[in-house]
Amino acid sequence: MIQLFYRSLSDIQSKKKILSVLQWNTLSDKLSNRFPAVNPDLLKWEHRRQKIIQKLKNFSSDILCLQEIDHYHDFFKLELENLGFYGIYQQRGKMYHDGCCIFYKNNIKNLERYKINFPEHQNAIGVLLDFNNILFYVFSIHLNPNINNDHIRKHQIETLINYISILKPYPVLICGDFNNDPSSIAYKTIYNNSIGLKSIFLNNEPEFTTIKFNKTLHKKTVDYIWIRDFKVISSELFPNKNTISETGLPNEDFPSDHLALYAMISI
């Protein structure tokens, strides 16, 4: 339905400056063995990679912000270039095997690339894009994963906000796995930011954006899309939470433990 809907909009998107964006932590291949309740065959890269690319085709987004990417050069770059995207990638840091990437349709121009050096030897990636002579920034980030390191994530968010604050005042799109829920200090730091960022869910975040089973079912909200000077037309989560069983994600149809956040925005 999404793909057909967007094909019907394709002729008017550029005139109305409408963009579709997808935020998704696709689950790295190296970390996919941590789900004891999931059939091991469903966790194999050979199975998951086909599911991932099919989902990306179905979403038919203009901009893709992806995290936990450890097959960028041998899979994602090749497959998505065949689908009409250009992409950039940045390893998350020296301690990590995976990274973040940003893909954008080939009718969008990449004017500048940014690397943000976070505290604790982590990196984020950003670009300045030109869509029909409208310039805007996109950032893809993945913050410190340690459950006890909310203070580090707070400093990482402050670093990002300070970085953006000295750039030219174009619209901003920030997507990522923040590894903190809305009750955290880190979340409150970006919520109370000084540069005009707002959540696409208007600060009424989803019940959860990741759900997995390990002895018990764990679900929490850690993935977000933040915008400045964009208008939200619609926002959704995939898959529908009613299709997720007591073993959580991944499952036979959905290849990651993180839900995908999808939004239509206008400039």
Protein backbone atom coordinates (compact mmCIF):
# COMPACT_ATOMS: atom_id res chain seq x y z
CA MET A 1 0.00 0.00 0.00
CA ILE A 2 2.80 2.45 0.84
CA GLN A 3 4.58 1.87 -2.44
CA LEU A 4 1.44 2.28 -4.55
CA PHE A 5 0.45 5.37 -2.60
CA TYR A 6 3.80 7.01 -3.21
CA ARG A 7 3.77 6.20 -6.89
CA SER A 8 0.50 8.09 -7.12
CA LEU A 9 2.15 11.04 -5.38
CA SER A 10 5.37 11.01 -7.37
CA ASP A 11 4.29 13.74 -9.81
CA ILE A 12 3.33 16.21 -7.09
CA GLN A 13 5.97 15.52 -4.45
CA SER A 14 8.56 17.87 -5.92
CA LYS A 15 6.04 20.68 -6.44
CA LYS A 16 4.90 20.53 -2.83
CA LYS A 17 8.39 19.84 -1.42
CA ILE A 18 7.21 16.62 0.21
CA LEU A 19 9.79 14.12 1.42
CA SER A 20 9.40 10.65 2.88
CA VAL A 21 11.94 9.46 5.41
CA LEU A 22 12.65 6.13 7.06
CA GLN A 23 14.57 5.58 10.30
CA TRP A 24 15.59 1.97 10.95
CA ASN A 25 18.14 0.08 13.00
CA THR A 26 18.30 -2.99 10.77
CA LEU A 27 20.19 -5.20 13.32
CA SER A 28 23.80 -5.95 12.50
CA ASP A 29 24.75 -9.38 11.28
CA LYS A 30 27.27 -9.79 14.09
CA LEU A 31 24.66 -9.09 16.79
CA SER A 32 21.93 -11.28 15.31
CA ASN A 33 22.77 -14.32 17.49
CA ARG A 34 21.34 -12.77 20.67
CA PHE A 35 17.74 -13.91 20.28
CA PRO A 36 17.24 -17.32 21.91
CA ALA A 37 13.48 -17.37 21.29
CA VAL A 38 13.85 -16.86 17.53
CA ASN A 39 14.34 -19.66 15.01
CA PRO A 40 18.09 -19.51 14.16
CA ASP A 41 17.33 -19.85 10.45
CA LEU A 42 15.48 -16.52 10.60
CA LEU A 43 18.58 -14.83 12.01
CA LYS A 44 20.96 -15.90 9.26
CA TRP A 45 22.20 -13.05 7.10
CA GLU A 46 21.25 -14.91 3.92
CA HIS A 47 17.63 -14.82 5.07
CA ARG A 48 17.55 -11.40 6.69
CA ARG A 49 19.25 -9.47 3.90
CA GLN A 50 16.49 -10.37 1.44
CA LYS A 51 13.84 -9.34 3.94
CA ILE A 52 15.64 -6.07 4.65
CA ILE A 53 15.94 -5.03 1.02
CA GLN A 54 12.33 -6.00 0.33
CA LYS A 55 11.16 -3.84 3.23
CA LEU A 56 13.23 -0.93 1.96
CA LYS A 57 11.68 -1.35 -1.49
CA ASN A 58 8.19 -1.38 0.01
CA PHE A 59 8.77 1.75 2.09
CA SER A 60 9.81 3.60 -1.09
CA SER A 61 11.29 6.48 0.93
CA ASP A 62 13.25 9.44 -0.39
CA ILE A 63 15.68 9.32 2.54
CA LEU A 64 16.85 6.28 4.50
CA CYS A 65 18.70 6.59 7.79
CA LEU A 66 20.01 3.19 8.88
CA GLN A 67 22.05 1.96 11.84
CA GLU A 68 23.94 -1.21 12.77
CA ILE A 69 25.10 -1.55 9.19
CA ASP A 70 27.96 -4.04 8.86
CA HIS A 71 27.45 -5.03 5.22
CA TYR A 72 27.52 -1.57 3.68
CA HIS A 73 30.04 -2.16 0.89
CA ASP A 74 29.11 -5.73 0.02
CA PHE A 75 25.33 -5.38 0.23
CA PHE A 76 23.54 -2.14 1.09
CA LYS A 77 25.49 0.16 -1.22
CA LEU A 78 25.12 -2.17 -4.21
CA GLU A 79 21.47 -3.01 -3.66
CA LEU A 80 20.32 0.52 -2.95
CA GLU A 81 22.26 2.05 -5.83
CA ASN A 82 20.31 -0.36 -8.05
CA LEU A 83 17.15 1.12 -6.55
CA GLY A 84 18.17 4.67 -7.42
CA PHE A 85 19.86 5.80 -4.20
CA TYR A 86 23.19 7.35 -3.37
CA GLY A 87 24.62 6.69 0.06
CA ILE A 88 27.26 7.57 2.61
CA TYR A 89 28.52 5.49 5.52
CA GLN A 90 30.47 6.06 8.71
CA GLN A 91 31.71 3.41 11.13
CA ARG A 92 30.26 4.04 14.58
CA GLY A 93 33.71 4.14 16.20
CA LYS A 94 36.89 2.17 16.71
CA MET A 95 35.22 -0.18 19.20
CA TYR A 96 32.35 -1.06 16.87
CA HIS A 97 32.13 -3.26 13.79
CA ASP A 98 29.05 -1.52 12.37
CA GLY A 99 28.07 2.00 11.43
CA CYS A 100 25.44 4.49 10.36
CA CYS A 101 24.47 5.42 6.84
CA ILE A 102 22.27 7.85 4.96
CA PHE A 103 20.78 7.02 1.58
CA TYR A 104 18.93 9.54 -0.58
CA LYS A 105 17.21 9.30 -3.95
CA ASN A 106 19.39 10.26 -6.90
CA ASN A 107 17.26 13.33 -7.66
CA ILE A 108 18.57 14.82 -4.40
CA LYS A 109 22.02 16.42 -4.41
CA ASN A 110 24.63 15.92 -1.70
CA LEU A 111 26.42 19.24 -1.13
CA GLU A 112 28.48 18.52 1.99
CA ARG A 113 29.29 15.61 4.28
CA TYR A 114 29.86 15.82 8.03
CA LYS A 115 31.45 13.57 10.62
CA ILE A 116 30.57 14.33 14.24
CA ASN A 117 33.03 13.03 16.81
CA PHE A 118 31.14 12.01 19.93
CA PRO A 119 32.56 11.48 23.41
CA GLU A 120 33.62 7.87 24.10
CA HIS A 121 35.15 7.37 20.64
CA GLN A 122 31.91 7.26 18.66
CA ASN A 123 30.92 9.00 15.45
CA ALA A 124 27.80 10.22 13.73
CA ILE A 125 27.29 11.13 10.10
CA GLY A 126 25.54 14.02 8.40
CA VAL A 127 24.92 15.58 5.00
CA LEU A 128 23.70 18.83 3.53
CA LEU A 129 21.20 17.95 0.81
CA ASP A 130 19.58 19.94 -1.98
CA PHE A 131 16.05 18.94 -2.93
CA ASN A 132 14.67 21.17 -5.70
CA ASN A 133 16.82 24.09 -4.49
CA ILE A 134 15.74 23.59 -0.88
CA LEU A 135 18.73 22.90 1.37
CA PHE A 136 18.49 20.85 4.55
CA TYR A 137 20.63 18.73 6.86
CA VAL A 138 20.23 15.02 7.61
CA PHE A 139 22.02 13.24 10.47
CA SER A 140 22.08 9.51 11.25
CA ILE A 141 23.25 8.60 14.76
CA HIS A 142 23.61 5.65 17.10
CA LEU A 143 24.37 6.57 20.70
CA ASN A 144 26.24 4.66 23.39
CA PRO A 145 24.49 1.31 24.02
CA ASN A 146 25.43 0.69 27.66
CA ILE A 147 22.29 0.84 29.78
CA ASN A 148 24.15 2.63 32.59
CA ASN A 149 25.66 5.33 30.37
CA ASP A 150 22.84 7.86 30.16
CA HIS A 151 25.29 10.60 31.15
CA ILE A 152 27.46 9.70 28.12
CA ARG A 153 24.45 9.77 25.80
CA LYS A 154 23.56 13.17 27.25
CA HIS A 155 27.02 14.47 26.36
CA GLN A 156 26.75 12.95 22.89
CA ILE A 157 23.43 14.72 22.29
CA GLU A 158 24.90 17.99 23.56
CA THR A 159 27.80 17.53 21.13
CA LEU A 160 25.37 17.06 18.24
CA ILE A 161 23.26 20.07 19.22
CA ASN A 162 26.34 22.27 19.55
CA TYR A 163 27.60 21.04 16.17
CA ILE A 164 24.30 21.90 14.46
CA SER A 165 24.07 25.27 16.21
CA ILE A 166 27.11 26.61 14.34
CA LEU A 167 25.91 25.48 10.91
CA LYS A 168 23.84 27.65 8.62
CA PRO A 169 20.18 27.71 9.77
CA TYR A 170 18.71 25.30 7.24
CA PRO A 171 16.01 22.76 8.15
CA VAL A 172 17.27 19.73 10.09
CA LEU A 173 16.36 16.04 10.13
CA ILE A 174 17.95 13.81 12.79
CA CYS A 175 17.28 10.07 12.78
CA GLY A 176 18.74 7.39 14.96
CA ASP A 177 18.88 4.81 17.67
CA PHE A 178 19.40 6.96 20.74
CA ASN A 179 19.46 4.04 23.19
CA ASN A 180 17.43 6.04 25.71
CA ASP A 181 13.76 6.18 26.55
CA PRO A 182 11.66 9.33 27.07
CA SER A 183 12.23 9.26 30.85
CA SER A 184 16.01 9.53 30.47
CA ILE A 185 18.22 12.55 31.00
CA ALA A 186 19.52 12.14 27.46
CA TYR A 187 16.01 12.34 25.98
CA LYS A 188 15.17 15.38 28.10
CA THR A 189 18.34 17.03 26.82
CA ILE A 190 17.20 16.87 23.21
CA TYR A 191 13.58 17.56 24.17
CA ASN A 192 14.70 20.83 25.80
CA ASN A 193 17.11 21.72 23.00
CA SER A 194 17.87 25.32 22.05
CA ILE A 195 17.90 24.90 18.25
CA GLY A 196 14.21 24.24 17.55
CA LEU A 197 14.16 20.44 17.22
CA LYS A 198 10.84 18.62 17.68
CA SER A 199 9.90 14.94 17.51
CA ILE A 200 7.85 13.81 14.52
CA PHE A 201 5.49 12.28 17.07
CA LEU A 202 5.10 15.74 18.62
CA ASN A 203 6.84 14.49 21.77
CA ASN A 204 4.17 11.81 22.26
CA GLU A 205 6.52 8.95 21.51
CA PRO A 206 5.43 5.40 20.60
CA GLU A 207 4.91 2.78 23.28
CA PHE A 208 8.01 0.98 22.01
CA THR A 209 10.38 0.95 19.04
CA THR A 210 12.28 -2.22 19.93
CA ILE A 211 10.94 -5.48 21.33
CA LYS A 212 12.87 -8.66 22.00
CA PHE A 213 12.67 -11.78 24.14
CA ASN A 214 15.51 -12.86 26.40
CA LYS A 215 14.11 -14.79 29.38
CA THR A 216 11.32 -12.20 29.41
CA LEU A 217 9.87 -9.86 26.82
CA HIS A 218 11.67 -6.49 26.76
CA LYS A 219 10.24 -3.51 24.95
CA LYS A 220 11.22 0.14 25.04
CA THR A 221 11.32 3.32 23.00
CA VAL A 222 14.82 4.23 21.81
CA ASP A 223 14.47 5.23 18.12
CA TYR A 224 13.47 8.75 17.11
CA ILE A 225 13.16 11.24 14.29
CA TRP A 226 13.71 14.88 15.24
CA ILE A 227 13.04 17.78 12.86
CA ARG A 228 13.49 21.53 12.61
CA ASP A 229 11.58 23.69 10.13
CA PHE A 230 9.76 20.73 8.60
CA LYS A 231 6.03 20.06 8.86
CA VAL A 232 4.87 16.53 9.69
CA ILE A 233 2.23 15.26 7.28
CA SER A 234 2.07 11.73 8.68
CA SER A 235 4.07 9.31 10.82
CA GLU A 236 3.87 5.56 11.28
CA LEU A 237 5.63 2.54 12.77
CA PHE A 238 6.26 -0.78 11.08
CA PRO A 239 5.43 -3.54 11.70
CA ASN A 240 2.08 -3.02 13.39
CA LYS A 241 2.48 -3.94 17.05
CA ASN A 242 -0.56 -6.22 16.82
CA THR A 243 1.39 -8.52 14.48
CA ILE A 244 4.22 -9.07 16.98
CA SER A 245 4.01 -12.27 19.02
CA GLU A 246 5.21 -13.04 22.55
CA THR A 247 8.68 -13.84 21.20
CA GLY A 248 9.10 -10.27 19.96
CA LEU A 249 11.33 -9.41 17.01
CA PRO A 250 12.91 -10.45 14.70
CA ASN A 251 10.29 -12.79 13.29
CA GLU A 252 9.63 -14.57 10.02
CA ASP A 253 8.40 -11.43 8.28
CA PHE A 254 10.41 -8.68 9.97
CA PRO A 255 14.22 -9.00 10.09
CA SER A 256 15.20 -6.63 12.91
CA ASP A 257 14.50 -6.22 16.61
CA HIS A 258 13.82 -2.52 15.96
CA LEU A 259 10.68 -1.16 14.38
CA ALA A 260 11.00 1.18 11.41
CA LEU A 261 9.86 4.78 11.83
CA TYR A 262 8.37 6.29 8.69
CA ALA A 263 7.28 9.86 8.10
CA MET A 264 6.08 12.17 5.38
CA ILE A 265 7.34 15.71 5.92
CA SER A 266 7.16 18.95 3.96
CA ILE A 267 9.43 21.95 3.79
